[in-house]
N, C-alpha and C. Protein backbone atom coordinates (compact mmCIF):
# COMPACT_ATOMS: atom_id res chain seq x y z
N MET A 1 0.82 -1.19 0.00
CA MET A 1 0.00 0.00 0.00
C MET A 1 0.86 1.26 0.00
N ASN A 2 1.96 1.19 0.75
CA ASN A 2 2.86 2.33 0.84
C ASN A 2 3.49 2.63 -0.52
N THR A 3 3.79 1.60 -1.30
CA THR A 3 4.36 1.77 -2.63
C THR A 3 3.40 2.51 -3.54
N PHE A 4 2.11 2.21 -3.43
CA PHE A 4 1.09 2.89 -4.22
C PHE A 4 1.13 4.39 -3.96
N TYR A 5 1.17 4.81 -2.71
CA TYR A 5 1.20 6.23 -2.37
C TYR A 5 2.50 6.89 -2.80
N ASN A 6 3.59 6.16 -2.73
CA ASN A 6 4.87 6.70 -3.21
C ASN A 6 4.80 6.97 -4.71
N ARG A 7 4.26 6.03 -5.46
CA ARG A 7 4.14 6.21 -6.92
C ARG A 7 3.16 7.33 -7.25
N LEU A 8 2.08 7.41 -6.52
CA LEU A 8 1.10 8.47 -6.74
C LEU A 8 1.75 9.83 -6.48
N GLY A 9 2.52 9.93 -5.40
CA GLY A 9 3.21 11.18 -5.09
C GLY A 9 4.22 11.54 -6.16
N LEU A 10 4.96 10.55 -6.66
CA LEU A 10 5.94 10.78 -7.72
C LEU A 10 5.24 11.26 -9.00
N ALA A 11 4.13 10.65 -9.34
CA ALA A 11 3.37 11.06 -10.53
C ALA A 11 2.88 12.49 -10.39
N ALA A 12 2.42 12.86 -9.21
CA ALA A 12 1.95 14.23 -8.98
C ALA A 12 3.11 15.22 -9.12
N LEU A 13 4.27 14.88 -8.58
CA LEU A 13 5.44 15.76 -8.68
C LEU A 13 5.87 15.94 -10.14
N LEU A 14 5.86 14.85 -10.89
CA LEU A 14 6.23 14.94 -12.31
C LEU A 14 5.25 15.82 -13.08
N ALA A 15 3.97 15.68 -12.80
CA ALA A 15 2.96 16.49 -13.48
C ALA A 15 3.17 17.97 -13.18
N ILE A 16 3.48 18.28 -11.95
CA ILE A 16 3.71 19.68 -11.57
C ILE A 16 4.98 20.20 -12.22
N ALA A 17 6.02 19.38 -12.24
CA ALA A 17 7.30 19.80 -12.80
C ALA A 17 7.22 20.03 -14.31
N LEU A 18 6.40 19.27 -15.01
CA LEU A 18 6.32 19.38 -16.46
C LEU A 18 5.36 20.46 -16.94
N THR A 19 4.54 21.00 -16.08
CA THR A 19 3.57 22.02 -16.48
C THR A 19 4.22 23.25 -17.10
N PRO A 20 5.29 23.82 -16.52
CA PRO A 20 5.91 24.99 -17.16
C PRO A 20 6.48 24.68 -18.54
N VAL A 21 6.98 23.48 -18.77
CA VAL A 21 7.52 23.11 -20.07
C VAL A 21 6.41 23.14 -21.12
N ALA A 22 5.26 22.59 -20.81
CA ALA A 22 4.13 22.60 -21.75
C ALA A 22 3.68 24.02 -22.03
N ALA A 23 3.62 24.87 -21.01
CA ALA A 23 3.22 26.27 -21.20
C ALA A 23 4.22 27.00 -22.08
N GLN A 24 5.51 26.72 -21.90
CA GLN A 24 6.53 27.37 -22.71
C GLN A 24 6.41 26.92 -24.17
N ALA A 25 6.16 25.66 -24.39
CA ALA A 25 6.00 25.15 -25.75
C ALA A 25 4.80 25.80 -26.42
N ASP A 26 3.70 25.97 -25.69
CA ASP A 26 2.53 26.64 -26.23
C ASP A 26 2.86 28.07 -26.63
N ASN A 27 3.63 28.78 -25.79
CA ASN A 27 4.02 30.15 -26.10
C ASN A 27 4.87 30.21 -27.36
N LEU A 28 5.81 29.27 -27.52
CA LEU A 28 6.65 29.25 -28.71
C LEU A 28 5.81 29.03 -29.96
N LEU A 29 4.84 28.13 -29.89
CA LEU A 29 3.98 27.85 -31.03
C LEU A 29 3.14 29.07 -31.38
N VAL A 30 2.57 29.72 -30.38
CA VAL A 30 1.76 30.92 -30.61
C VAL A 30 2.61 32.01 -31.25
N ASN A 31 3.84 32.20 -30.73
CA ASN A 31 4.73 33.22 -31.29
C ASN A 31 5.07 32.92 -32.74
N ARG A 32 5.34 31.64 -33.05
CA ARG A 32 5.67 31.28 -34.42
C ARG A 32 4.49 31.52 -35.36
N VAL A 33 3.29 31.16 -34.93
CA VAL A 33 2.11 31.36 -35.77
C VAL A 33 1.89 32.85 -36.02
N GLN A 34 2.08 33.68 -34.99
CA GLN A 34 1.94 35.12 -35.16
C GLN A 34 2.98 35.66 -36.14
N GLN A 35 4.20 35.18 -36.06
CA GLN A 35 5.25 35.60 -36.99
C GLN A 35 4.87 35.21 -38.42
N GLU A 36 4.40 33.98 -38.59
CA GLU A 36 4.05 33.50 -39.93
C GLU A 36 2.94 34.33 -40.54
N GLN A 37 1.98 34.76 -39.73
CA GLN A 37 0.86 35.54 -40.24
C GLN A 37 1.31 36.90 -40.76
N GLY A 38 2.39 37.42 -40.17
CA GLY A 38 2.88 38.73 -40.59
C GLY A 38 3.86 38.68 -41.75
N MET A 39 4.21 37.48 -42.20
CA MET A 39 5.18 37.34 -43.28
C MET A 39 4.51 36.98 -44.59
N ASN A 40 5.22 37.28 -45.65
CA ASN A 40 4.77 36.92 -46.98
C ASN A 40 5.32 35.53 -47.30
N LEU A 41 4.52 34.51 -47.03
CA LEU A 41 4.92 33.12 -47.30
C LEU A 41 4.08 32.57 -48.44
N PRO A 42 4.58 31.56 -49.16
CA PRO A 42 3.78 30.95 -50.20
C PRO A 42 2.45 30.44 -49.64
N GLY A 43 1.38 30.74 -50.34
CA GLY A 43 0.04 30.38 -49.87
C GLY A 43 -0.39 29.02 -50.36
N ARG A 44 -1.29 28.43 -49.58
CA ARG A 44 -1.84 27.12 -49.92
C ARG A 44 -2.45 27.16 -51.32
N GLY A 45 -2.13 26.16 -52.12
CA GLY A 45 -2.69 26.05 -53.46
C GLY A 45 -1.80 26.62 -54.56
N MET A 46 -0.78 27.41 -54.19
CA MET A 46 0.12 27.95 -55.22
C MET A 46 0.87 26.79 -55.89
N SER A 47 1.12 26.95 -57.17
CA SER A 47 1.88 25.91 -57.89
C SER A 47 3.37 26.12 -57.65
N MET A 48 4.15 25.09 -57.97
CA MET A 48 5.60 25.19 -57.83
C MET A 48 6.15 26.34 -58.66
N SER A 49 5.64 26.49 -59.87
CA SER A 49 6.14 27.56 -60.74
C SER A 49 5.77 28.94 -60.20
N GLN A 50 4.59 29.07 -59.60
CA GLN A 50 4.20 30.34 -58.99
C GLN A 50 5.11 30.68 -57.81
N VAL A 51 5.43 29.67 -56.99
CA VAL A 51 6.30 29.89 -55.84
C VAL A 51 7.68 30.33 -56.32
N GLU A 52 8.21 29.64 -57.32
CA GLU A 52 9.54 29.97 -57.82
C GLU A 52 9.56 31.36 -58.48
N LYS A 53 8.49 31.70 -59.15
CA LYS A 53 8.41 33.02 -59.79
C LYS A 53 8.36 34.13 -58.74
N GLN A 54 7.60 33.94 -57.68
CA GLN A 54 7.43 34.98 -56.67
C GLN A 54 8.58 35.03 -55.65
N PHE A 55 9.13 33.87 -55.28
CA PHE A 55 10.12 33.82 -54.20
C PHE A 55 11.52 33.44 -54.67
N GLY A 56 11.66 33.14 -55.94
CA GLY A 56 12.96 32.74 -56.47
C GLY A 56 13.21 31.26 -56.27
N ALA A 57 14.36 30.84 -56.73
CA ALA A 57 14.72 29.42 -56.60
C ALA A 57 15.03 29.11 -55.14
N PRO A 58 14.60 27.94 -54.66
CA PRO A 58 14.91 27.57 -53.28
C PRO A 58 16.40 27.26 -53.13
N GLN A 59 16.87 27.33 -51.90
CA GLN A 59 18.26 26.96 -51.63
C GLN A 59 18.47 25.48 -51.87
N ARG A 60 17.40 24.72 -51.63
CA ARG A 60 17.51 23.27 -51.79
C ARG A 60 16.12 22.68 -52.02
N LYS A 61 16.07 21.68 -52.89
CA LYS A 61 14.86 20.90 -53.11
C LYS A 61 15.16 19.48 -52.63
N LEU A 62 14.45 19.05 -51.61
CA LEU A 62 14.68 17.70 -51.10
C LEU A 62 14.04 16.67 -52.01
N GLN A 63 14.51 15.44 -51.91
CA GLN A 63 13.96 14.35 -52.70
C GLN A 63 12.48 14.16 -52.35
N PRO A 64 11.62 13.94 -53.35
CA PRO A 64 10.20 13.70 -53.06
C PRO A 64 10.01 12.46 -52.20
N ARG A 65 8.96 12.48 -51.39
CA ARG A 65 8.60 11.34 -50.54
C ARG A 65 7.18 10.91 -50.90
N GLY A 66 6.86 9.65 -50.64
CA GLY A 66 5.52 9.14 -50.87
C GLY A 66 5.29 8.79 -52.32
N GLY A 67 4.02 8.84 -52.72
CA GLY A 67 3.66 8.53 -54.09
C GLY A 67 3.43 7.06 -54.34
N ASP A 68 3.47 6.25 -53.29
CA ASP A 68 3.32 4.82 -53.47
C ASP A 68 1.86 4.38 -53.59
N SER A 69 0.93 5.29 -53.27
CA SER A 69 -0.49 4.98 -53.43
C SER A 69 -1.29 6.28 -53.45
N ARG A 70 -2.55 6.14 -53.74
CA ARG A 70 -3.42 7.31 -53.79
C ARG A 70 -3.52 7.97 -52.40
N LYS A 71 -3.46 7.15 -51.35
CA LYS A 71 -3.53 7.67 -49.98
C LYS A 71 -2.23 8.34 -49.55
N HIS A 72 -1.14 8.10 -50.28
CA HIS A 72 0.17 8.67 -49.96
C HIS A 72 0.70 9.43 -51.16
N PRO A 73 0.19 10.65 -51.40
CA PRO A 73 0.63 11.42 -52.56
C PRO A 73 2.10 11.83 -52.44
N VAL A 74 2.66 12.25 -53.53
CA VAL A 74 4.04 12.72 -53.54
C VAL A 74 4.11 14.04 -52.75
N ILE A 75 5.04 14.10 -51.79
CA ILE A 75 5.26 15.30 -51.00
C ILE A 75 6.66 15.81 -51.32
N ASN A 76 6.74 17.08 -51.69
CA ASN A 76 8.01 17.73 -51.96
C ASN A 76 8.25 18.79 -50.90
N ARG A 77 9.53 19.03 -50.61
CA ARG A 77 9.89 20.07 -49.64
C ARG A 77 10.98 20.93 -50.26
N TRP A 78 10.75 22.25 -50.24
CA TRP A 78 11.73 23.21 -50.70
C TRP A 78 12.17 24.04 -49.52
N ASP A 79 13.48 24.20 -49.38
CA ASP A 79 14.04 25.01 -48.29
C ASP A 79 14.50 26.36 -48.82
N TYR A 80 13.99 27.41 -48.20
CA TYR A 80 14.46 28.78 -48.45
C TYR A 80 15.20 29.23 -47.20
N ALA A 81 15.82 30.39 -47.24
CA ALA A 81 16.62 30.87 -46.10
C ALA A 81 15.78 31.00 -44.83
N ASN A 82 14.56 31.52 -44.95
CA ASN A 82 13.75 31.81 -43.76
C ASN A 82 12.50 30.95 -43.61
N PHE A 83 12.21 30.15 -44.60
CA PHE A 83 10.99 29.33 -44.52
C PHE A 83 11.15 28.05 -45.32
N ILE A 84 10.22 27.14 -45.08
CA ILE A 84 10.17 25.84 -45.77
C ILE A 84 8.78 25.71 -46.39
N VAL A 85 8.74 25.20 -47.61
CA VAL A 85 7.46 25.02 -48.31
C VAL A 85 7.26 23.53 -48.57
N TYR A 86 6.06 23.04 -48.23
CA TYR A 86 5.68 21.65 -48.48
C TYR A 86 4.64 21.62 -49.60
N PHE A 87 4.87 20.75 -50.55
CA PHE A 87 3.96 20.59 -51.69
C PHE A 87 3.37 19.19 -51.69
N GLU A 88 2.09 19.10 -52.03
CA GLU A 88 1.48 17.80 -52.35
C GLU A 88 1.37 17.78 -53.85
N ASN A 89 2.02 16.82 -54.46
CA ASN A 89 2.20 16.79 -55.91
C ASN A 89 2.90 18.09 -56.31
N SER A 90 2.21 19.03 -56.91
CA SER A 90 2.89 20.26 -57.34
C SER A 90 2.27 21.53 -56.76
N HIS A 91 1.47 21.38 -55.68
CA HIS A 91 0.82 22.55 -55.09
C HIS A 91 1.12 22.66 -53.59
N VAL A 92 1.27 23.91 -53.13
CA VAL A 92 1.60 24.18 -51.73
C VAL A 92 0.50 23.66 -50.82
N ILE A 93 0.90 22.93 -49.79
CA ILE A 93 -0.04 22.53 -48.75
C ILE A 93 0.28 23.25 -47.43
N HIS A 94 1.56 23.69 -47.28
CA HIS A 94 1.92 24.37 -46.03
C HIS A 94 3.27 25.07 -46.19
N SER A 95 3.38 26.24 -45.55
CA SER A 95 4.65 26.96 -45.48
C SER A 95 4.91 27.29 -44.03
N VAL A 96 6.13 27.08 -43.57
CA VAL A 96 6.47 27.34 -42.17
C VAL A 96 7.79 28.09 -42.08
N LEU A 97 7.91 28.89 -41.03
CA LEU A 97 9.18 29.56 -40.78
C LEU A 97 10.24 28.55 -40.42
N ASN A 98 11.45 28.81 -40.83
CA ASN A 98 12.58 27.96 -40.49
C ASN A 98 13.19 28.50 -39.20
N THR A 99 12.59 28.15 -38.07
CA THR A 99 13.02 28.67 -36.78
C THR A 99 13.19 27.54 -35.79
N PRO A 100 13.97 27.77 -34.72
CA PRO A 100 14.08 26.75 -33.68
C PRO A 100 12.72 26.40 -33.08
N ALA A 101 11.80 27.35 -33.03
CA ALA A 101 10.47 27.07 -32.48
C ALA A 101 9.75 26.03 -33.32
N GLY A 102 10.11 25.94 -34.59
CA GLY A 102 9.52 24.95 -35.48
C GLY A 102 10.33 23.68 -35.55
N ASN A 103 11.30 23.54 -34.65
CA ASN A 103 12.17 22.36 -34.60
C ASN A 103 12.94 22.16 -35.90
N ASN A 104 13.31 23.24 -36.53
CA ASN A 104 14.05 23.16 -37.80
C ASN A 104 15.45 23.73 -37.65
N ARG A 105 16.12 23.45 -36.56
CA ARG A 105 17.47 23.98 -36.33
C ARG A 105 18.45 23.47 -37.37
N ASN A 106 18.23 22.27 -37.85
CA ASN A 106 19.13 21.69 -38.82
C ASN A 106 18.31 20.99 -39.91
N PRO A 107 17.72 21.77 -40.82
CA PRO A 107 16.84 21.15 -41.82
C PRO A 107 17.54 20.12 -42.69
N SER A 108 18.86 20.23 -42.86
CA SER A 108 19.56 19.28 -43.71
C SER A 108 19.54 17.87 -43.14
N SER A 109 19.28 17.75 -41.84
CA SER A 109 19.25 16.42 -41.23
C SER A 109 17.99 15.65 -41.61
N ALA A 110 17.04 16.30 -42.26
CA ALA A 110 15.79 15.64 -42.63
C ALA A 110 15.88 14.94 -43.99
N ASN A 111 17.02 14.99 -44.62
CA ASN A 111 17.17 14.31 -45.91
C ASN A 111 16.90 12.88 -45.70
């Protein structure tokens, strides 16, 4: 019985200790979303040629992923200096800032 209360107390301490970490992560995400809203990033639905025409050539185009079935379309990723663009087939599905808050400290490691 004593072991049960010890484990319960340990679980409560861990929950309390981890609360500030979760709050900090939420703040980082909110800050990143606010930054993205104020920037001129490629919009959802833009074609690859439209992105290249408006933003120039990317620093790097990663190898396409997926495409093995209809449920797994081809996903392309282009890296620019300050942002990353994700394409499904040839159209933008998402653009994100290349920041530590987005866990992109070393985008080259995602090859």
